Amino acid sequence: MNTTIIHGTEHAYPAANVNIVIDVIRAFTVSHIAFLKGVREIFLANTVEEAFAMQAENPALLLAGEIEGLPLDRFDLDNSPHTFSQAAIANTSVVLKTTNGV
């Protein structure tokens, strides 16, 4: 069986007999895992610029998020539950920016 993983919202699906689409609310899953891993707090940003401004005021903040499912340049983490589960993020604070808001 061939499997194709497609990120983002603008793309053509390959021809297939069966297509399975899995859509989970990643921001909430990421937040849950972040807190399980020991993150102290999560701040929400409406824009990438707002996230960078928050980090400029407090350089200890980690930036995490995505736009249209893709990781953001110069952000510390993406919006993947797996990434958060593997990251050393205990006792940190995170700024989260997602396409659809959080």
PDB file of N, CA and C in Angstrom:
ATOM      1  N   MET A   1       0.845  -1.165   0.000  1.00  0.00           N
ATOM      2  CA  MET A   1       0.000   0.000   0.000  1.00  0.00           C
ATOM      3  C   MET A   1       0.893   1.232   0.000  1.00  0.00           C
ATOM      4  N   ASN A   2       0.637   2.153  -0.893  1.00  0.00           N
ATOM      5  CA  ASN A   2       1.351   3.418  -0.940  1.00  0.00           C
ATOM      6  C   ASN A   2       0.624   4.425  -0.067  1.00  0.00           C
ATOM      7  N   THR A   3       1.409   5.185   0.702  1.00  0.00           N
ATOM      8  CA  THR A   3       0.846   6.209   1.576  1.00  0.00           C
ATOM      9  C   THR A   3       1.475   7.544   1.225  1.00  0.00           C
ATOM     10  N   THR A   4       0.652   8.564   1.106  1.00  0.00           N
ATOM     11  CA  THR A   4       1.133   9.912   0.846  1.00  0.00           C
ATOM     12  C   THR A   4       0.608  10.821   1.942  1.00  0.00           C
ATOM     13  N   ILE A   5       1.500  11.572   2.580  1.00  0.00           N
ATOM     14  CA  ILE A   5       1.101  12.542   3.587  1.00  0.00           C
ATOM     15  C   ILE A   5       1.192  13.913   2.946  1.00  0.00           C
ATOM     16  N   ILE A   6       0.087  14.661   3.002  1.00  0.00           N
ATOM     17  CA  ILE A   6       0.022  15.973   2.367  1.00  0.00           C
ATOM     18  C   ILE A   6      -0.258  17.007   3.448  1.00  0.00           C
ATOM     19  N   HIS A   7       0.569  18.060   3.499  1.00  0.00           N
ATOM     20  CA  HIS A   7       0.384  19.142   4.461  1.00  0.00           C
ATOM     21  C   HIS A   7      -0.173  20.360   3.748  1.00  0.00           C
ATOM     22  N   GLY A   8      -0.856  21.188   4.474  1.00  0.00           N
ATOM     23  CA  GLY A   8      -1.371  22.431   3.924  1.00  0.00           C
ATOM     24  C   GLY A   8      -2.789  22.278   3.417  1.00  0.00           C
ATOM     25  N   THR A   9      -3.291  23.338   2.816  1.00  0.00           N
ATOM     26  CA  THR A   9      -4.693  23.335   2.387  1.00  0.00           C
ATOM     27  C   THR A   9      -4.869  23.493   0.881  1.00  0.00           C
ATOM     28  N   GLU A  10      -3.847  23.889   0.173  1.00  0.00           N
ATOM     29  CA  GLU A  10      -3.972  24.109  -1.269  1.00  0.00           C
ATOM     30  C   GLU A  10      -3.132  23.072  -2.017  1.00  0.00           C
ATOM     31  N   HIS A  11      -3.785  22.028  -2.502  1.00  0.00           N
ATOM     32  CA  HIS A  11      -3.066  20.992  -3.232  1.00  0.00           C
ATOM     33  C   HIS A  11      -4.062  20.113  -3.970  1.00  0.00           C
ATOM     34  N   ALA A  12      -3.569  19.355  -4.905  1.00  0.00           N
ATOM     35  CA  ALA A  12      -4.393  18.375  -5.617  1.00  0.00           C
ATOM     36  C   ALA A  12      -4.103  17.001  -5.029  1.00  0.00           C
ATOM     37  N   TYR A  13      -5.145  16.246  -4.789  1.00  0.00           N
ATOM     38  CA  TYR A  13      -4.962  14.898  -4.267  1.00  0.00           C
ATOM     39  C   TYR A  13      -4.585  13.959  -5.408  1.00  0.00           C
ATOM     40  N   PRO A  14      -3.664  13.023  -5.152  1.00  0.00           N
ATOM     41  CA  PRO A  14      -3.319  12.057  -6.188  1.00  0.00           C
ATOM     42  C   PRO A  14      -4.499  11.114  -6.437  1.00  0.00           C
ATOM     43  N   ALA A  15      -4.561  10.586  -7.643  1.00  0.00           N
ATOM     44  CA  ALA A  15      -5.611   9.621  -7.959  1.00  0.00           C
ATOM     45  C   ALA A  15      -5.456   8.395  -7.060  1.00  0.00           C
ATOM     46  N   ALA A  16      -6.565   7.944  -6.516  1.00  0.00           N
ATOM     47  CA  ALA A  16      -6.518   6.793  -5.618  1.00  0.00           C
ATOM     48  C   ALA A  16      -7.898   6.149  -5.553  1.00  0.00           C
ATOM     49  N   ASN A  17      -7.923   4.892  -5.202  1.00  0.00           N
ATOM     50  CA  ASN A  17      -9.197   4.220  -4.982  1.00  0.00           C
ATOM     51  C   ASN A  17      -9.810   4.654  -3.658  1.00  0.00           C
ATOM     52  N   VAL A  18      -8.952   4.968  -2.698  1.00  0.00           N
ATOM     53  CA  VAL A  18      -9.415   5.381  -1.377  1.00  0.00           C
ATOM     54  C   VAL A  18      -8.558   6.545  -0.905  1.00  0.00           C
ATOM     55  N   ASN A  19      -9.190   7.601  -0.405  1.00  0.00           N
ATOM     56  CA  ASN A  19      -8.495   8.702   0.243  1.00  0.00           C
ATOM     57  C   ASN A  19      -9.005   8.789   1.664  1.00  0.00           C
ATOM     58  N   ILE A  20      -8.104   8.888   2.620  1.00  0.00           N
ATOM     59  CA  ILE A  20      -8.465   9.044   4.022  1.00  0.00           C
ATOM     60  C   ILE A  20      -7.925  10.382   4.479  1.00  0.00           C
ATOM     61  N   VAL A  21      -8.793  11.184   5.031  1.00  0.00           N
ATOM     62  CA  VAL A  21      -8.402  12.500   5.535  1.00  0.00           C
ATOM     63  C   VAL A  21      -8.562  12.481   7.050  1.00  0.00           C
ATOM     64  N   ILE A  22      -7.493  12.804   7.750  1.00  0.00           N
ATOM     65  CA  ILE A  22      -7.531  12.866   9.207  1.00  0.00           C
ATOM     66  C   ILE A  22      -7.307  14.317   9.602  1.00  0.00           C
ATOM     67  N   ASP A  23      -8.268  14.867  10.287  1.00  0.00           N
ATOM     68  CA  ASP A  23      -8.167  16.256  10.722  1.00  0.00           C
ATOM     69  C   ASP A  23      -8.396  16.288  12.223  1.00  0.00           C
ATOM     70  N   VAL A  24      -7.355  16.567  12.953  1.00  0.00           N
ATOM     71  CA  VAL A  24      -7.483  16.730  14.404  1.00  0.00           C
ATOM     72  C   VAL A  24      -7.179  18.179  14.722  1.00  0.00           C
ATOM     73  N   ILE A  25      -7.666  18.625  15.812  1.00  0.00           N
ATOM     74  CA  ILE A  25      -7.394  19.997  16.218  1.00  0.00           C
ATOM     75  C   ILE A  25      -6.017  20.002  16.872  1.00  0.00           C
ATOM     76  N   ARG A  26      -5.014  20.155  16.033  1.00  0.00           N
ATOM     77  CA  ARG A  26      -3.625  19.995  16.458  1.00  0.00           C
ATOM     78  C   ARG A  26      -3.227  20.952  17.569  1.00  0.00           C
ATOM     79  N   ALA A  27      -3.701  22.195  17.509  1.00  0.00           N
ATOM     80  CA  ALA A  27      -3.293  23.162  18.524  1.00  0.00           C
ATOM     81  C   ALA A  27      -3.691  22.683  19.913  1.00  0.00           C
ATOM     82  N   PHE A  28      -4.856  22.081  20.035  1.00  0.00           N
ATOM     83  CA  PHE A  28      -5.282  21.598  21.347  1.00  0.00           C
ATOM     84  C   PHE A  28      -4.500  20.355  21.758  1.00  0.00           C
ATOM     85  N   THR A  29      -4.201  19.486  20.801  1.00  0.00           N
ATOM     86  CA  THR A  29      -3.384  18.309  21.094  1.00  0.00           C
ATOM     87  C   THR A  29      -1.979  18.738  21.498  1.00  0.00           C
ATOM     88  N   VAL A  30      -1.405  19.693  20.774  1.00  0.00           N
ATOM     89  CA  VAL A  30      -0.081  20.217  21.100  1.00  0.00           C
ATOM     90  C   VAL A  30      -0.088  20.831  22.496  1.00  0.00           C
ATOM     91  N   SER A  31      -1.112  21.606  22.811  1.00  0.00           N
ATOM     92  CA  SER A  31      -1.184  22.239  24.132  1.00  0.00           C
ATOM     93  C   SER A  31      -1.244  21.189  25.235  1.00  0.00           C
ATOM     94  N   HIS A  32      -2.030  20.168  25.027  1.00  0.00           N
ATOM     95  CA  HIS A  32      -2.145  19.092  26.020  1.00  0.00           C
ATOM     96  C   HIS A  32      -0.787  18.427  26.251  1.00  0.00           C
ATOM     97  N   ILE A  33      -0.116  18.082  25.169  1.00  0.00           N
ATOM     98  CA  ILE A  33       1.194  17.432  25.296  1.00  0.00           C
ATOM     99  C   ILE A  33       2.203  18.392  25.921  1.00  0.00           C
ATOM    100  N   ALA A  34       2.149  19.653  25.534  1.00  0.00           N
ATOM    101  CA  ALA A  34       3.080  20.637  26.108  1.00  0.00           C
ATOM    102  C   ALA A  34       2.944  20.689  27.621  1.00  0.00           C
ATOM    103  N   PHE A  35       1.719  20.740  28.106  1.00  0.00           N
ATOM    104  CA  PHE A  35       1.526  20.792  29.558  1.00  0.00           C
ATOM    105  C   PHE A  35       1.947  19.483  30.218  1.00  0.00           C
ATOM    106  N   LEU A  36       1.697  18.353  29.560  1.00  0.00           N
ATOM    107  CA  LEU A  36       2.166  17.072  30.108  1.00  0.00           C
ATOM    108  C   LEU A  36       3.689  17.033  30.198  1.00  0.00           C
ATOM    109  N   LYS A  37       4.366  17.697  29.252  1.00  0.00           N
ATOM    110  CA  LYS A  37       5.835  17.736  29.226  1.00  0.00           C
ATOM    111  C   LYS A  37       6.409  18.798  30.163  1.00  0.00           C
ATOM    112  N   GLY A  38       5.556  19.569  30.848  1.00  0.00           N
ATOM    113  CA  GLY A  38       6.054  20.505  31.840  1.00  0.00           C
ATOM    114  C   GLY A  38       6.108  21.955  31.431  1.00  0.00           C
ATOM    115  N   VAL A  39       5.512  22.323  30.289  1.00  0.00           N
ATOM    116  CA  VAL A  39       5.452  23.735  29.908  1.00  0.00           C
ATOM    117  C   VAL A  39       4.646  24.484  30.967  1.00  0.00           C
ATOM    118  N   ARG A  40       5.131  25.637  31.387  1.00  0.00           N
ATOM    119  CA  ARG A  40       4.465  26.425  32.429  1.00  0.00           C
ATOM    120  C   ARG A  40       3.232  27.152  31.914  1.00  0.00           C
ATOM    121  N   GLU A  41       3.357  27.723  30.712  1.00  0.00           N
ATOM    122  CA  GLU A  41       2.253  28.514  30.168  1.00  0.00           C
ATOM    123  C   GLU A  41       2.381  28.596  28.656  1.00  0.00           C
ATOM    124  N   ILE A  42       1.238  28.822  28.001  1.00  0.00           N
ATOM    125  CA  ILE A  42       1.192  29.001  26.551  1.00  0.00           C
ATOM    126  C   ILE A  42       0.471  30.312  26.272  1.00  0.00           C
ATOM    127  N   PHE A  43       1.147  31.186  25.540  1.00  0.00           N
ATOM    128  CA  PHE A  43       0.553  32.444  25.104  1.00  0.00           C
ATOM    129  C   PHE A  43       0.124  32.272  23.651  1.00  0.00           C
ATOM    130  N   LEU A  44      -0.980  32.880  23.274  1.00  0.00           N
ATOM    131  CA  LEU A  44      -1.489  32.765  21.919  1.00  0.00           C
ATOM    132  C   LEU A  44      -1.167  34.020  21.127  1.00  0.00           C
ATOM    133  N   ALA A  45      -0.738  33.839  19.881  1.00  0.00           N
ATOM    134  CA  ALA A  45      -0.423  34.966  19.003  1.00  0.00           C
ATOM    135  C   ALA A  45      -1.324  34.909  17.778  1.00  0.00           C
ATOM    136  N   ASN A  46      -1.843  36.050  17.386  1.00  0.00           N
ATOM    137  CA  ASN A  46      -2.690  36.111  16.196  1.00  0.00           C
ATOM    138  C   ASN A  46      -1.893  36.110  14.904  1.00  0.00           C
ATOM    139  N   THR A  47      -0.663  36.634  14.957  1.00  0.00           N
ATOM    140  CA  THR A  47       0.165  36.735  13.754  1.00  0.00           C
ATOM    141  C   THR A  47       1.593  36.305  14.076  1.00  0.00           C
ATOM    142  N   VAL A  48       2.339  36.015  13.039  1.00  0.00           N
ATOM    143  CA  VAL A  48       3.762  35.698  13.194  1.00  0.00           C
ATOM    144  C   VAL A  48       4.489  36.897  13.785  1.00  0.00           C
ATOM    145  N   GLU A  49       4.147  38.088  13.312  1.00  0.00           N
ATOM    146  CA  GLU A  49       4.788  39.303  13.807  1.00  0.00           C
ATOM    147  C   GLU A  49       4.531  39.482  15.301  1.00  0.00           C
ATOM    148  N   GLU A  50       3.311  39.197  15.743  1.00  0.00           N
ATOM    149  CA  GLU A  50       2.994  39.298  17.166  1.00  0.00           C
ATOM    150  C   GLU A  50       3.818  38.300  17.975  1.00  0.00           C
ATOM    151  N   ALA A  51       3.996  37.096  17.458  1.00  0.00           N
ATOM    152  CA  ALA A  51       4.810  36.097  18.151  1.00  0.00           C
ATOM    153  C   ALA A  51       6.247  36.586  18.308  1.00  0.00           C
ATOM    154  N   PHE A  52       6.822  37.128  17.225  1.00  0.00           N
ATOM    155  CA  PHE A  52       8.192  37.647  17.308  1.00  0.00           C
ATOM    156  C   PHE A  52       8.282  38.825  18.272  1.00  0.00           C
ATOM    157  N   ALA A  53       7.272  39.682  18.303  1.00  0.00           N
ATOM    158  CA  ALA A  53       7.272  40.819  19.225  1.00  0.00           C
ATOM    159  C   ALA A  53       7.230  40.337  20.673  1.00  0.00           C
ATOM    160  N   MET A  54       6.453  39.310  20.933  1.00  0.00           N
ATOM    161  CA  MET A  54       6.383  38.758  22.292  1.00  0.00           C
ATOM    162  C   MET A  54       7.737  38.195  22.700  1.00  0.00           C
ATOM    163  N   GLN A  55       8.412  37.498  21.765  1.00  0.00           N
ATOM    164  CA  GLN A  55       9.722  36.942  22.074  1.00  0.00           C
ATOM    165  C   GLN A  55      10.763  38.043  22.232  1.00  0.00           C
ATOM    166  N   ALA A  56      10.628  39.135  21.495  1.00  0.00           N
ATOM    167  CA  ALA A  56      11.564  40.257  21.635  1.00  0.00           C
ATOM    168  C   ALA A  56      11.480  40.847  23.038  1.00  0.00           C
ATOM    169  N   GLU A  57      10.273  40.887  23.605  1.00  0.00           N
ATOM    170  CA  GLU A  57      10.092  41.383  24.969  1.00  0.00           C
ATOM    171  C   GLU A  57      10.579  40.387  26.011  1.00  0.00           C
ATOM    172  N   ASN A  58      10.504  39.098  25.679  1.00  0.00           N
ATOM    173  CA  ASN A  58      10.933  38.044  26.605  1.00  0.00           C
ATOM    174  C   ASN A  58      11.645  36.955  25.810  1.00  0.00           C
ATOM    175  N   PRO A  59      12.977  37.080  25.641  1.00  0.00           N
ATOM    176  CA  PRO A  59      13.732  36.134  24.815  1.00  0.00           C
ATOM    177  C   PRO A  59      13.665  34.676  25.278  1.00  0.00           C
ATOM    178  N   ALA A  60      13.228  34.430  26.498  1.00  0.00           N
ATOM    179  CA  ALA A  60      13.124  33.046  26.976  1.00  0.00           C
ATOM    180  C   ALA A  60      11.932  32.308  26.373  1.00  0.00           C
ATOM    181  N   LEU A  61      10.999  33.030  25.772  1.00  0.00           N
ATOM    182  CA  LEU A  61       9.827  32.386  25.178  1.00  0.00           C
ATOM    183  C   LEU A  61      10.219  31.549  23.971  1.00  0.00           C
ATOM    184  N   LEU A  62       9.644  30.359  23.874  1.00  0.00           N
ATOM    185  CA  LEU A  62       9.802  29.527  22.685  1.00  0.00           C
ATOM    186  C   LEU A  62       8.656  29.836  21.739  1.00  0.00           C
ATOM    187  N   LEU A  63       8.953  29.894  20.441  1.00  0.00           N
ATOM    188  CA  LEU A  63       7.915  30.118  19.442  1.00  0.00           C
ATOM    189  C   LEU A  63       7.543  28.795  18.790  1.00  0.00           C
ATOM    190  N   ALA A  64       6.241  28.554  18.670  1.00  0.00           N
ATOM    191  CA  ALA A  64       5.753  27.324  18.051  1.00  0.00           C
ATOM    192  C   ALA A  64       4.566  27.651  17.168  1.00  0.00           C
ATOM    193  N   GLY A  65       4.397  26.888  16.090  1.00  0.00           N
ATOM    194  CA  GLY A  65       3.226  27.087  15.267  1.00  0.00           C
ATOM    195  C   GLY A  65       3.413  26.680  13.830  1.00  0.00           C
ATOM    196  N   GLU A  66       2.420  27.094  13.032  1.00  0.00           N
ATOM    197  CA  GLU A  66       2.387  26.751  11.628  1.00  0.00           C
ATOM    198  C   GLU A  66       1.502  27.748  10.892  1.00  0.00           C
ATOM    199  N   ILE A  67       1.642  27.769   9.563  1.00  0.00           N
ATOM    200  CA  ILE A  67       0.703  28.439   8.675  1.00  0.00           C
ATOM    201  C   ILE A  67       0.364  27.437   7.581  1.00  0.00           C
ATOM    202  N   GLU A  68      -0.919  27.170   7.434  1.00  0.00           N
ATOM    203  CA  GLU A  68      -1.426  26.192   6.479  1.00  0.00           C
ATOM    204  C   GLU A  68      -0.727  24.839   6.645  1.00  0.00           C
ATOM    205  N   GLY A  69      -0.463  24.469   7.893  1.00  0.00           N
ATOM    206  CA  GLY A  69       0.115  23.167   8.200  1.00  0.00           C
ATOM    207  C   GLY A  69       1.622  23.076   8.062  1.00  0.00           C
ATOM    208  N   LEU A  70       2.266  24.139   7.642  1.00  0.00           N
ATOM    209  CA  LEU A  70       3.714  24.098   7.421  1.00  0.00           C
ATOM    210  C   LEU A  70       4.444  24.849   8.524  1.00  0.00           C
ATOM    211  N   PRO A  71       5.622  24.338   8.922  1.00  0.00           N
ATOM    212  CA  PRO A  71       6.409  24.991   9.983  1.00  0.00           C
ATOM    213  C   PRO A  71       6.807  26.410   9.575  1.00  0.00           C
ATOM    214  N   LEU A  72       7.056  27.230  10.575  1.00  0.00           N
ATOM    215  CA  LEU A  72       7.414  28.629  10.349  1.00  0.00           C
ATOM    216  C   LEU A  72       8.914  28.849  10.510  1.00  0.00           C
ATOM    217  N   ASP A  73       9.498  29.588   9.582  1.00  0.00           N
ATOM    218  CA  ASP A  73      10.916  29.933   9.670  1.00  0.00           C
ATOM    219  C   ASP A  73      11.178  30.689  10.962  1.00  0.00           C
ATOM    220  N   ARG A  74      12.308  30.372  11.592  1.00  0.00           N
ATOM    221  CA  ARG A  74      12.796  31.023  12.811  1.00  0.00           C
ATOM    222  C   ARG A  74      11.946  30.720  14.038  1.00  0.00           C
ATOM    223  N   PHE A  75      10.979  29.806  13.925  1.00  0.00           N
ATOM    224  CA  PHE A  75      10.245  29.348  15.104  1.00  0.00           C
ATOM    225  C   PHE A  75      10.989  28.158  15.694  1.00  0.00           C
ATOM    226  N   ASP A  76      10.905  27.994  16.997  1.00  0.00           N
ATOM    227  CA  ASP A  76      11.623  26.924  17.680  1.00  0.00           C
ATOM    228  C   ASP A  76      10.981  25.558  17.447  1.00  0.00           C
ATOM    229  N   LEU A  77       9.669  25.539  17.343  1.00  0.00           N
ATOM    230  CA  LEU A  77       8.920  24.291  17.197  1.00  0.00           C
ATOM    231  C   LEU A  77       7.816  24.481  16.168  1.00  0.00           C
ATOM    232  N   ASP A  78       7.392  23.377  15.568  1.00  0.00           N
ATOM    233  CA  ASP A  78       6.238  23.455  14.677  1.00  0.00           C
ATOM    234  C   ASP A  78       4.966  23.231  15.496  1.00  0.00           C
ATOM    235  N   ASN A  79       3.918  22.777  14.885  1.00  0.00           N
ATOM    236  CA  ASN A  79       2.656  22.533  15.582  1.00  0.00           C
ATOM    237  C   ASN A  79       2.350  21.040  15.580  1.00  0.00           C
ATOM    238  N   SER A  80       3.373  20.237  15.763  1.00  0.00           N
ATOM    239  CA  SER A  80       3.233  18.787  15.718  1.00  0.00           C
ATOM    240  C   SER A  80       3.229  18.197  17.122  1.00  0.00           C
ATOM    241  N   PRO A  81       2.208  17.417  17.448  1.00  0.00           N
ATOM    242  CA  PRO A  81       2.228  16.733  18.745  1.00  0.00           C
ATOM    243  C   PRO A  81       3.488  15.878  18.928  1.00  0.00           C
ATOM    244  N   HIS A  82       3.953  15.245  17.850  1.00  0.00           N
ATOM    245  CA  HIS A  82       5.164  14.422  17.953  1.00  0.00           C
ATOM    246  C   HIS A  82       6.381  15.279  18.307  1.00  0.00           C
ATOM    247  N   THR A  83       6.519  16.424  17.651  1.00  0.00           N
ATOM    248  CA  THR A  83       7.644  17.319  17.950  1.00  0.00           C
ATOM    249  C   THR A  83       7.626  17.713  19.417  1.00  0.00           C
ATOM    250  N   PHE A  84       6.461  18.105  19.922  1.00  0.00           N
ATOM    251  CA  PHE A  84       6.348  18.510  21.320  1.00  0.00           C
ATOM    252  C   PHE A  84       6.647  17.339  22.254  1.00  0.00           C
ATOM    253  N   SER A  85       6.244  16.146  21.877  1.00  0.00           N
ATOM    254  CA  SER A  85       6.476  14.987  22.749  1.00  0.00           C
ATOM    255  C   SER A  85       7.957  14.645  22.856  1.00  0.00           C
ATOM    256  N   GLN A  86       8.749  15.055  21.863  1.00  0.00           N
ATOM    257  CA  GLN A  86      10.180  14.754  21.846  1.00  0.00           C
ATOM    258  C   GLN A  86      11.035  15.917  22.364  1.00  0.00           C
ATOM    259  N   ALA A  87      10.457  17.099  22.485  1.00  0.00           N
ATOM    260  CA  ALA A  87      11.230  18.297  22.829  1.00  0.00           C
ATOM    261  C   ALA A  87      11.476  18.406  24.333  1.00  0.00           C
ATOM    262  N   ALA A  88      12.618  18.986  24.678  1.00  0.00           N
ATOM    263  CA  ALA A  88      12.952  19.290  26.075  1.00  0.00           C
ATOM    264  C   ALA A  88      12.349  20.650  26.398  1.00  0.00           C
ATOM    265  N   ILE A  89      11.110  20.665  26.863  1.00  0.00           N
ATOM    266  CA  ILE A  89      10.385  21.925  27.044  1.00  0.00           C
ATOM    267  C   ILE A  89       9.887  22.146  28.469  1.00  0.00           C
ATOM    268  N   ALA A  90      10.301  21.299  29.399  1.00  0.00           N
ATOM    269  CA  ALA A  90       9.870  21.467  30.791  1.00  0.00           C
ATOM    270  C   ALA A  90      10.313  22.829  31.320  1.00  0.00           C
ATOM    271  N   ASN A  91       9.445  23.456  32.100  1.00  0.00           N
ATOM    272  CA  ASN A  91       9.716  24.752  32.738  1.00  0.00           C
ATOM    273  C   ASN A  91       9.965  25.879  31.742  1.00  0.00           C
ATOM    274  N   THR A  92       9.350  25.782  30.567  1.00  0.00           N
ATOM    275  CA  THR A  92       9.450  26.852  29.583  1.00  0.00           C
ATOM    276  C   THR A  92       8.072  27.478  29.386  1.00  0.00           C
ATOM    277  N   SER A  93       8.061  28.581  28.657  1.00  0.00           N
ATOM    278  CA  SER A  93       6.820  29.220  28.235  1.00  0.00           C
ATOM    279  C   SER A  93       6.842  29.281  26.712  1.00  0.00           C
ATOM    280  N   VAL A  94       5.678  29.080  26.101  1.00  0.00           N
ATOM    281  CA  VAL A  94       5.580  28.955  24.645  1.00  0.00           C
ATOM    282  C   VAL A  94       4.583  29.972  24.100  1.00  0.00           C
ATOM    283  N   VAL A  95       4.925  30.535  22.949  1.00  0.00           N
ATOM    284  CA  VAL A  95       3.986  31.351  22.177  1.00  0.00           C
ATOM    285  C   VAL A  95       3.531  30.475  21.012  1.00  0.00           C
ATOM    286  N   LEU A  96       2.211  30.310  20.861  1.00  0.00           N
ATOM    287  CA  LEU A  96       1.659  29.436  19.830  1.00  0.00           C
ATOM    288  C   LEU A  96       0.892  30.243  18.795  1.00  0.00           C
ATOM    289  N   LYS A  97       1.249  30.061  17.519  1.00  0.00           N
ATOM    290  CA  LYS A  97       0.572  30.719  16.384  1.00  0.00           C
ATOM    291  C   LYS A  97       0.122  29.631  15.430  1.00  0.00           C
ATOM    292  N   THR A  98      -1.184  29.584  15.132  1.00  0.00           N
ATOM    293  CA  THR A  98      -1.686  28.610  14.166  1.00  0.00           C
ATOM    294  C   THR A  98      -2.549  29.313  13.115  1.00  0.00           C
ATOM    295  N   THR A  99      -2.726  28.670  11.984  1.00  0.00           N
ATOM    296  CA  THR A  99      -3.508  29.233  10.893  1.00  0.00           C
ATOM    297  C   THR A  99      -4.930  29.570  11.308  1.00  0.00           C
ATOM    298  N   ASN A 100      -5.566  28.648  11.982  1.00  0.00           N
ATOM    299  CA  ASN A 100      -6.989  28.806  12.308  1.00  0.00           C
ATOM    300  C   ASN A 100      -7.230  29.386  13.695  1.00  0.00           C
ATOM    301  N   GLY A 101      -6.192  29.864  14.329  1.00  0.00           N
ATOM    302  CA  GLY A 101      -6.353  30.419  15.673  1.00  0.00           C
ATOM    303  C   GLY A 101      -6.377  29.325  16.724  1.00  0.00           C
ATOM    304  N   VAL A 102      -6.272  29.718  17.929  1.00  0.00           N
ATOM    305  CA  VAL A 102      -6.263  28.744  19.034  1.00  0.00           C
ATOM    306  C   VAL A 102      -7.163  29.241  20.144  1.00  0.00           C
TER     307      VAL A 102
END
